[in-house]
């Protein structure tokens, strides 16, 4: 059965590509490109979500601070933080309750496994996303490979 996921990333192309992946897995996805909008949506109905996925490098708020705010509103919500393999960010994220990490570029296989792990409540892990690049198409046919971003 599909879960309800809040996905937050400042890049519209990545948002659409990941949305396609998550929906292909059978999940219902709420997409936000702004941390402020994601916080507003979550604060109105925190019980509506089974999982949060947020990018570390949001333009208006750090993904780490964003996930920390989500956890203060609902401590049991699993969160996946998409980031670079930077040790300091991982360490701070772990201190704030983030147990799942992923590194862009995203592959469908790694995203699937990370989402399943987070929803099961498995012990946290670092996922080095990096299989076949995901392709997203911009309006007017311009194609962007997420591995190139």
N, C-alpha and C. Protein backbone atom coordinates (compact mmCIF):
# COMPACT_ATOMS: atom_id res chain seq x y z
N UNK A 1 0.85 -1.19 0.00
CA UNK A 1 0.00 0.00 0.00
C UNK A 1 0.89 1.25 0.00
N UNK A 2 0.54 2.20 -0.82
CA UNK A 2 1.32 3.42 -0.93
C UNK A 2 1.24 4.27 0.33
N UNK A 3 2.29 4.99 0.57
CA UNK A 3 2.38 5.89 1.72
C UNK A 3 2.27 7.33 1.25
N UNK A 4 2.06 8.21 2.21
CA UNK A 4 1.95 9.65 1.93
C UNK A 4 3.29 10.31 2.24
N UNK A 5 3.88 10.90 1.23
CA UNK A 5 5.23 11.45 1.35
C UNK A 5 5.22 12.94 1.04
N UNK A 6 5.90 13.71 1.88
CA UNK A 6 6.14 15.12 1.61
C UNK A 6 7.56 15.22 1.08
N UNK A 7 7.70 15.66 -0.18
CA UNK A 7 9.01 15.80 -0.80
C UNK A 7 9.30 17.28 -1.03
N UNK A 8 10.48 17.73 -0.54
CA UNK A 8 10.83 19.15 -0.61
C UNK A 8 12.20 19.30 -1.26
N UNK A 9 12.24 20.04 -2.36
CA UNK A 9 13.50 20.34 -3.04
C UNK A 9 13.30 21.64 -3.81
N UNK A 10 14.28 22.49 -3.80
CA UNK A 10 14.16 23.78 -4.46
C UNK A 10 14.25 23.73 -5.97
N UNK A 11 14.64 22.60 -6.53
CA UNK A 11 14.82 22.48 -7.98
C UNK A 11 13.60 21.78 -8.58
N UNK A 12 12.83 22.50 -9.37
CA UNK A 12 11.59 21.98 -9.94
C UNK A 12 11.82 20.73 -10.79
N UNK A 13 12.93 20.66 -11.50
CA UNK A 13 13.22 19.50 -12.34
C UNK A 13 13.41 18.26 -11.47
N UNK A 14 14.16 18.39 -10.39
CA UNK A 14 14.36 17.26 -9.49
C UNK A 14 13.04 16.88 -8.82
N UNK A 15 12.26 17.87 -8.43
CA UNK A 15 10.95 17.60 -7.81
C UNK A 15 10.10 16.74 -8.74
N UNK A 16 10.02 17.10 -10.00
CA UNK A 16 9.19 16.34 -10.93
C UNK A 16 9.75 14.93 -11.18
N UNK A 17 11.07 14.82 -11.30
CA UNK A 17 11.67 13.50 -11.52
C UNK A 17 11.45 12.57 -10.33
N UNK A 18 11.69 13.08 -9.13
CA UNK A 18 11.51 12.25 -7.93
C UNK A 18 10.03 11.94 -7.73
N UNK A 19 9.17 12.90 -8.03
CA UNK A 19 7.73 12.64 -7.93
C UNK A 19 7.34 11.46 -8.83
N UNK A 20 7.85 11.43 -10.04
CA UNK A 20 7.56 10.32 -10.95
C UNK A 20 8.02 8.99 -10.36
N UNK A 21 9.21 8.98 -9.76
CA UNK A 21 9.73 7.76 -9.14
C UNK A 21 8.86 7.30 -7.99
N UNK A 22 8.53 8.24 -7.10
CA UNK A 22 7.74 7.89 -5.92
C UNK A 22 6.33 7.44 -6.30
N UNK A 23 5.73 8.11 -7.27
CA UNK A 23 4.40 7.68 -7.71
C UNK A 23 4.46 6.31 -8.39
N UNK A 24 5.55 6.03 -9.11
CA UNK A 24 5.71 4.71 -9.72
C UNK A 24 5.80 3.62 -8.66
N UNK A 25 6.27 3.98 -7.47
CA UNK A 25 6.33 3.03 -6.35
C UNK A 25 4.96 2.89 -5.67
N UNK A 26 3.99 3.71 -6.09
CA UNK A 26 2.66 3.62 -5.52
C UNK A 26 2.37 4.59 -4.39
N UNK A 27 3.26 5.54 -4.17
CA UNK A 27 3.08 6.49 -3.08
C UNK A 27 2.31 7.73 -3.53
N UNK A 28 1.64 8.36 -2.60
CA UNK A 28 0.97 9.65 -2.83
C UNK A 28 1.95 10.72 -2.36
N UNK A 29 2.25 11.68 -3.22
CA UNK A 29 3.32 12.63 -2.93
C UNK A 29 2.80 14.06 -2.92
N UNK A 30 3.17 14.79 -1.88
CA UNK A 30 2.94 16.24 -1.83
C UNK A 30 4.28 16.87 -2.16
N UNK A 31 4.30 17.71 -3.17
CA UNK A 31 5.54 18.33 -3.63
C UNK A 31 5.60 19.78 -3.18
N UNK A 32 6.76 20.17 -2.69
CA UNK A 32 6.99 21.57 -2.34
C UNK A 32 8.38 21.97 -2.81
N UNK A 33 8.51 23.19 -3.33
CA UNK A 33 9.82 23.70 -3.75
C UNK A 33 10.32 24.78 -2.80
N UNK A 34 9.59 25.02 -1.75
CA UNK A 34 9.96 26.02 -0.75
C UNK A 34 9.85 25.39 0.64
N UNK A 35 10.87 25.62 1.44
CA UNK A 35 10.83 25.12 2.81
C UNK A 35 9.69 25.72 3.60
N UNK A 36 9.43 27.01 3.39
CA UNK A 36 8.34 27.69 4.10
C UNK A 36 6.99 27.07 3.75
N UNK A 37 6.79 26.78 2.46
CA UNK A 37 5.53 26.16 2.05
C UNK A 37 5.39 24.74 2.61
N UNK A 38 6.50 24.01 2.64
CA UNK A 38 6.48 22.66 3.20
C UNK A 38 6.14 22.70 4.69
N UNK A 39 6.74 23.63 5.42
CA UNK A 39 6.44 23.77 6.85
C UNK A 39 4.98 24.12 7.07
N UNK A 40 4.45 25.01 6.25
CA UNK A 40 3.04 25.40 6.39
C UNK A 40 2.13 24.20 6.14
N UNK A 41 2.41 23.44 5.09
CA UNK A 41 1.58 22.27 4.77
C UNK A 41 1.65 21.23 5.89
N UNK A 42 2.86 20.97 6.37
CA UNK A 42 3.04 19.96 7.41
C UNK A 42 2.41 20.40 8.72
N UNK A 43 2.56 21.66 9.07
CA UNK A 43 2.03 22.14 10.36
C UNK A 43 0.51 22.12 10.40
N UNK A 44 -0.15 22.29 9.25
CA UNK A 44 -1.61 22.22 9.20
C UNK A 44 -2.12 20.81 9.47
N UNK A 45 -1.41 19.80 8.96
CA UNK A 45 -1.88 18.42 9.07
C UNK A 45 -0.70 17.45 9.19
N UNK A 46 0.02 17.46 10.29
CA UNK A 46 1.21 16.61 10.41
C UNK A 46 0.90 15.11 10.33
N UNK A 47 -0.29 14.70 10.71
CA UNK A 47 -0.64 13.28 10.68
C UNK A 47 -0.89 12.78 9.26
N UNK A 48 -0.96 13.69 8.29
CA UNK A 48 -1.23 13.30 6.91
C UNK A 48 -0.03 12.70 6.20
N UNK A 49 1.14 12.67 6.84
CA UNK A 49 2.35 12.22 6.17
C UNK A 49 2.97 11.03 6.88
N UNK A 50 3.50 10.11 6.06
CA UNK A 50 4.19 8.93 6.59
C UNK A 50 5.70 9.08 6.49
N UNK A 51 6.16 10.02 5.66
CA UNK A 51 7.59 10.18 5.42
C UNK A 51 7.84 11.58 4.87
N UNK A 52 9.00 12.13 5.25
CA UNK A 52 9.45 13.41 4.71
C UNK A 52 10.77 13.17 3.99
N UNK A 53 10.91 13.72 2.80
CA UNK A 53 12.18 13.70 2.08
C UNK A 53 12.51 15.15 1.76
N UNK A 54 13.69 15.60 2.21
CA UNK A 54 14.07 17.00 2.00
C UNK A 54 15.50 17.10 1.51
N UNK A 55 15.74 18.08 0.66
CA UNK A 55 17.08 18.36 0.17
C UNK A 55 17.82 19.22 1.19
N UNK A 56 19.09 18.93 1.40
CA UNK A 56 19.89 19.71 2.34
C UNK A 56 20.05 21.15 1.87
N UNK A 57 20.20 21.36 0.56
CA UNK A 57 20.51 22.68 0.03
C UNK A 57 19.31 23.45 -0.49
N UNK A 58 18.30 23.63 0.34
CA UNK A 58 17.13 24.41 -0.07
C UNK A 58 17.50 25.89 -0.17
N UNK A 59 16.87 26.63 -1.09
CA UNK A 59 17.23 28.05 -1.23
C UNK A 59 16.78 28.92 -0.06
N UNK A 60 15.68 28.58 0.59
CA UNK A 60 15.15 29.47 1.64
C UNK A 60 15.42 28.98 3.06
N UNK A 61 15.80 27.72 3.23
CA UNK A 61 16.08 27.17 4.56
C UNK A 61 16.91 25.91 4.36
N UNK A 62 17.81 25.63 5.25
CA UNK A 62 18.60 24.41 5.09
C UNK A 62 17.69 23.21 5.34
N UNK A 63 17.92 22.14 4.59
CA UNK A 63 17.13 20.93 4.78
C UNK A 63 17.27 20.38 6.18
N UNK A 64 18.44 20.56 6.77
CA UNK A 64 18.68 20.10 8.13
C UNK A 64 17.76 20.83 9.11
N UNK A 65 17.68 22.14 9.00
CA UNK A 65 16.80 22.92 9.87
C UNK A 65 15.33 22.58 9.59
N UNK A 66 15.01 22.37 8.33
CA UNK A 66 13.65 22.02 7.95
C UNK A 66 13.21 20.69 8.59
N UNK A 67 14.05 19.67 8.48
CA UNK A 67 13.73 18.37 9.09
C UNK A 67 13.65 18.50 10.60
N UNK A 68 14.53 19.29 11.18
CA UNK A 68 14.48 19.52 12.63
C UNK A 68 13.13 20.11 13.03
N UNK A 69 12.62 21.06 12.26
CA UNK A 69 11.31 21.66 12.55
C UNK A 69 10.18 20.64 12.41
N UNK A 70 10.26 19.79 11.39
CA UNK A 70 9.26 18.73 11.23
C UNK A 70 9.27 17.80 12.45
N UNK A 71 10.47 17.42 12.89
CA UNK A 71 10.59 16.50 14.03
C UNK A 71 10.09 17.14 15.33
N UNK A 72 10.20 18.44 15.47
CA UNK A 72 9.67 19.11 16.66
C UNK A 72 8.15 19.10 16.66
N UNK A 73 7.55 19.11 15.47
CA UNK A 73 6.09 19.05 15.37
C UNK A 73 5.57 17.62 15.51
N UNK A 74 6.38 16.66 15.05
CA UNK A 74 5.98 15.26 15.11
C UNK A 74 7.23 14.39 15.18
N UNK A 75 7.61 14.01 16.37
CA UNK A 75 8.87 13.33 16.62
C UNK A 75 8.98 11.95 15.96
N UNK A 76 7.86 11.33 15.63
CA UNK A 76 7.91 9.98 15.07
C UNK A 76 7.96 9.94 13.54
N UNK A 77 7.99 11.09 12.89
CA UNK A 77 7.98 11.09 11.42
C UNK A 77 9.37 10.72 10.90
N UNK A 78 9.47 9.69 10.05
CA UNK A 78 10.78 9.38 9.48
C UNK A 78 11.14 10.42 8.42
N UNK A 79 12.40 10.77 8.38
CA UNK A 79 12.86 11.77 7.42
C UNK A 79 14.08 11.29 6.67
N UNK A 80 14.11 11.55 5.38
CA UNK A 80 15.27 11.25 4.53
C UNK A 80 15.84 12.60 4.11
N UNK A 81 17.12 12.79 4.34
CA UNK A 81 17.79 14.03 3.96
C UNK A 81 18.67 13.74 2.76
N UNK A 82 18.42 14.42 1.65
CA UNK A 82 19.24 14.26 0.45
C UNK A 82 20.37 15.28 0.53
N UNK A 83 21.59 14.79 0.46
CA UNK A 83 22.74 15.66 0.70
C UNK A 83 23.96 15.13 -0.02
N UNK A 84 25.02 15.88 0.10
CA UNK A 84 26.32 15.40 -0.36
C UNK A 84 26.93 14.59 0.79
N UNK A 85 27.93 13.79 0.50
CA UNK A 85 28.52 12.97 1.56
C UNK A 85 29.45 13.77 2.48
N UNK A 86 28.96 14.87 2.96
CA UNK A 86 29.73 15.76 3.82
C UNK A 86 29.58 15.31 5.27
N UNK A 87 30.66 14.93 5.91
CA UNK A 87 30.63 14.38 7.25
C UNK A 87 29.98 15.27 8.29
N UNK A 88 30.29 16.56 8.28
CA UNK A 88 29.76 17.47 9.29
C UNK A 88 28.24 17.57 9.19
N UNK A 89 27.71 17.67 7.99
CA UNK A 89 26.25 17.75 7.83
C UNK A 89 25.60 16.47 8.31
N UNK A 90 26.19 15.31 7.99
CA UNK A 90 25.63 14.05 8.46
C UNK A 90 25.62 13.98 9.97
N UNK A 91 26.73 14.39 10.58
CA UNK A 91 26.83 14.34 12.03
C UNK A 91 25.77 15.22 12.69
N UNK A 92 25.62 16.44 12.19
CA UNK A 92 24.60 17.35 12.74
C UNK A 92 23.20 16.79 12.52
N UNK A 93 22.98 16.22 11.35
CA UNK A 93 21.67 15.66 11.05
C UNK A 93 21.35 14.50 12.00
N UNK A 94 22.32 13.64 12.24
CA UNK A 94 22.10 12.52 13.17
C UNK A 94 21.77 13.03 14.57
N UNK A 95 22.45 14.06 15.00
CA UNK A 95 22.17 14.64 16.32
C UNK A 95 20.74 15.17 16.39
N UNK A 96 20.20 15.61 15.26
CA UNK A 96 18.85 16.16 15.21
C UNK A 96 17.79 15.11 14.89
N UNK A 97 18.16 13.85 14.78
CA UNK A 97 17.18 12.78 14.60
C UNK A 97 17.02 12.25 13.19
N UNK A 98 17.82 12.71 12.23
CA UNK A 98 17.73 12.19 10.87
C UNK A 98 18.54 10.90 10.81
N UNK A 99 17.92 9.83 10.31
CA UNK A 99 18.62 8.55 10.24
C UNK A 99 18.86 8.07 8.82
N UNK A 100 18.25 8.68 7.82
CA UNK A 100 18.42 8.23 6.44
C UNK A 100 18.98 9.37 5.61
N UNK A 101 19.97 9.05 4.82
CA UNK A 101 20.65 10.03 3.99
C UNK A 101 20.75 9.51 2.57
N UNK A 102 20.72 10.39 1.63
CA UNK A 102 20.92 10.00 0.24
C UNK A 102 21.71 11.06 -0.47
N UNK A 103 22.47 10.64 -1.46
CA UNK A 103 23.29 11.56 -2.22
C UNK A 103 22.80 11.59 -3.65
N UNK A 104 22.60 12.79 -4.18
CA UNK A 104 22.24 12.93 -5.57
C UNK A 104 23.48 12.64 -6.41
N UNK A 105 23.37 12.12 -7.62
CA UNK A 105 22.15 11.90 -8.39
C UNK A 105 21.37 10.70 -7.89
N UNK A 106 20.08 10.75 -8.08
CA UNK A 106 19.18 9.71 -7.60
C UNK A 106 19.01 8.60 -8.61
N UNK A 107 19.06 7.38 -8.14
CA UNK A 107 18.66 6.25 -8.99
C UNK A 107 17.37 5.72 -8.40
N UNK A 108 16.53 5.17 -9.22
CA UNK A 108 15.25 4.63 -8.77
C UNK A 108 15.47 3.53 -7.74
N UNK A 109 16.45 2.66 -7.97
CA UNK A 109 16.70 1.54 -7.06
C UNK A 109 17.09 2.02 -5.66
N UNK A 110 18.01 2.97 -5.58
CA UNK A 110 18.44 3.47 -4.27
C UNK A 110 17.34 4.27 -3.58
N UNK A 111 16.61 5.08 -4.34
CA UNK A 111 15.50 5.83 -3.74
C UNK A 111 14.46 4.86 -3.19
N UNK A 112 14.14 3.83 -3.97
CA UNK A 112 13.16 2.84 -3.52
C UNK A 112 13.60 2.19 -2.22
N UNK A 113 14.85 1.75 -2.15
CA UNK A 113 15.34 1.08 -0.94
C UNK A 113 15.37 2.02 0.26
N UNK A 114 15.77 3.27 0.05
CA UNK A 114 15.83 4.23 1.15
C UNK A 114 14.43 4.54 1.68
N UNK A 115 13.47 4.74 0.77
CA UNK A 115 12.09 5.02 1.19
C UNK A 115 11.53 3.82 1.97
N UNK A 116 11.74 2.61 1.46
CA UNK A 116 11.26 1.42 2.17
C UNK A 116 11.89 1.30 3.55
N UNK A 117 13.19 1.54 3.63
CA UNK A 117 13.91 1.45 4.90
C UNK A 117 13.37 2.46 5.91
N UNK A 118 13.16 3.69 5.45
CA UNK A 118 12.66 4.73 6.36
C UNK A 118 11.24 4.42 6.82
N UNK A 119 10.40 3.95 5.91
CA UNK A 119 9.01 3.65 6.28
C UNK A 119 8.92 2.44 7.20
N UNK A 120 9.85 1.49 7.07
CA UNK A 120 9.87 0.33 7.97
C UNK A 120 10.44 0.70 9.34
N UNK A 121 11.18 1.80 9.39
CA UNK A 121 11.83 2.19 10.64
C UNK A 121 13.13 1.45 10.86
N UNK A 122 13.71 0.93 9.78
CA UNK A 122 14.99 0.25 9.89
C UNK A 122 16.05 1.18 10.45
N UNK A 123 17.10 0.57 10.91
CA UNK A 123 18.23 1.35 11.38
C UNK A 123 18.70 2.25 10.25
N UNK A 124 19.03 3.47 10.55
CA UNK A 124 19.42 4.44 9.53
C UNK A 124 20.65 4.02 8.76
N UNK A 125 20.80 4.60 7.59
CA UNK A 125 21.94 4.28 6.75
C UNK A 125 22.23 5.42 5.81
N UNK A 126 23.44 5.42 5.28
CA UNK A 126 23.81 6.39 4.25
C UNK A 126 23.68 5.67 2.91
N UNK A 127 22.96 6.24 1.99
CA UNK A 127 22.80 5.66 0.67
C UNK A 127 23.55 6.51 -0.33
N UNK A 128 24.47 5.91 -1.02
CA UNK A 128 25.15 6.62 -2.08
C UNK A 128 24.36 6.45 -3.36
N UNK A 129 23.39 7.30 -3.59
CA UNK A 129 22.61 7.22 -4.82
C UNK A 129 23.58 7.39 -5.98
N UNK A 130 23.40 6.64 -7.01
CA UNK A 130 24.29 6.84 -8.12
C UNK A 130 24.17 5.81 -9.22
N UNK A 131 23.06 5.14 -9.35
CA UNK A 131 22.87 4.20 -10.45
C UNK A 131 22.67 4.97 -11.74
N UNK A 132 21.92 4.39 -12.64
CA UNK A 132 21.66 5.06 -13.91
C UNK A 132 21.01 6.41 -13.66
N UNK A 133 21.48 7.44 -14.35
CA UNK A 133 20.91 8.76 -14.10
C UNK A 133 19.43 8.83 -14.45
N UNK A 134 18.71 9.60 -13.66
CA UNK A 134 17.29 9.83 -13.91
C UNK A 134 17.19 10.99 -14.88
N UNK A 135 16.28 10.89 -15.82
CA UNK A 135 16.11 11.95 -16.79
C UNK A 135 14.79 12.66 -16.55
N UNK A 136 14.83 13.97 -16.57
CA UNK A 136 13.61 14.77 -16.43
C UNK A 136 13.54 15.69 -17.64
N UNK A 137 12.35 15.98 -18.08
CA UNK A 137 12.18 16.84 -19.24
C UNK A 137 11.59 18.17 -18.83
N UNK A 138 12.27 19.23 -19.19
CA UNK A 138 11.76 20.58 -18.96
C UNK A 138 10.71 20.89 -20.01
N UNK A 139 9.87 21.89 -19.75
CA UNK A 139 8.94 22.32 -20.79
C UNK A 139 9.70 22.65 -22.08
N UNK A 140 9.07 22.44 -23.20
CA UNK A 140 9.63 22.68 -24.53
C UNK A 140 10.69 21.67 -24.91
N UNK A 141 10.72 20.51 -24.24
CA UNK A 141 11.55 19.41 -24.69
C UNK A 141 13.00 19.41 -24.25
N UNK A 142 13.46 20.37 -23.46
CA UNK A 142 14.84 20.37 -23.00
C UNK A 142 15.00 19.29 -21.93
N UNK A 143 15.89 18.36 -22.15
CA UNK A 143 16.08 17.24 -21.21
C UNK A 143 17.31 17.49 -20.35
N UNK A 144 17.18 17.23 -19.06
CA UNK A 144 18.27 17.40 -18.11
C UNK A 144 18.50 16.08 -17.40
N UNK A 145 19.72 15.58 -17.44
CA UNK A 145 20.06 14.39 -16.68
C UNK A 145 20.42 14.83 -15.27
N UNK A 146 19.76 14.23 -14.28
CA UNK A 146 20.01 14.65 -12.89
C UNK A 146 21.45 14.38 -12.50
N UNK A 147 22.08 13.40 -13.11
CA UNK A 147 23.49 13.12 -12.80
C UNK A 147 24.39 14.27 -13.21
N UNK A 148 23.93 15.12 -14.12
CA UNK A 148 24.73 16.24 -14.59
C UNK A 148 24.52 17.50 -13.76
N UNK A 149 23.58 17.52 -12.86
CA UNK A 149 23.22 18.73 -12.13
C UNK A 149 24.15 18.94 -10.98
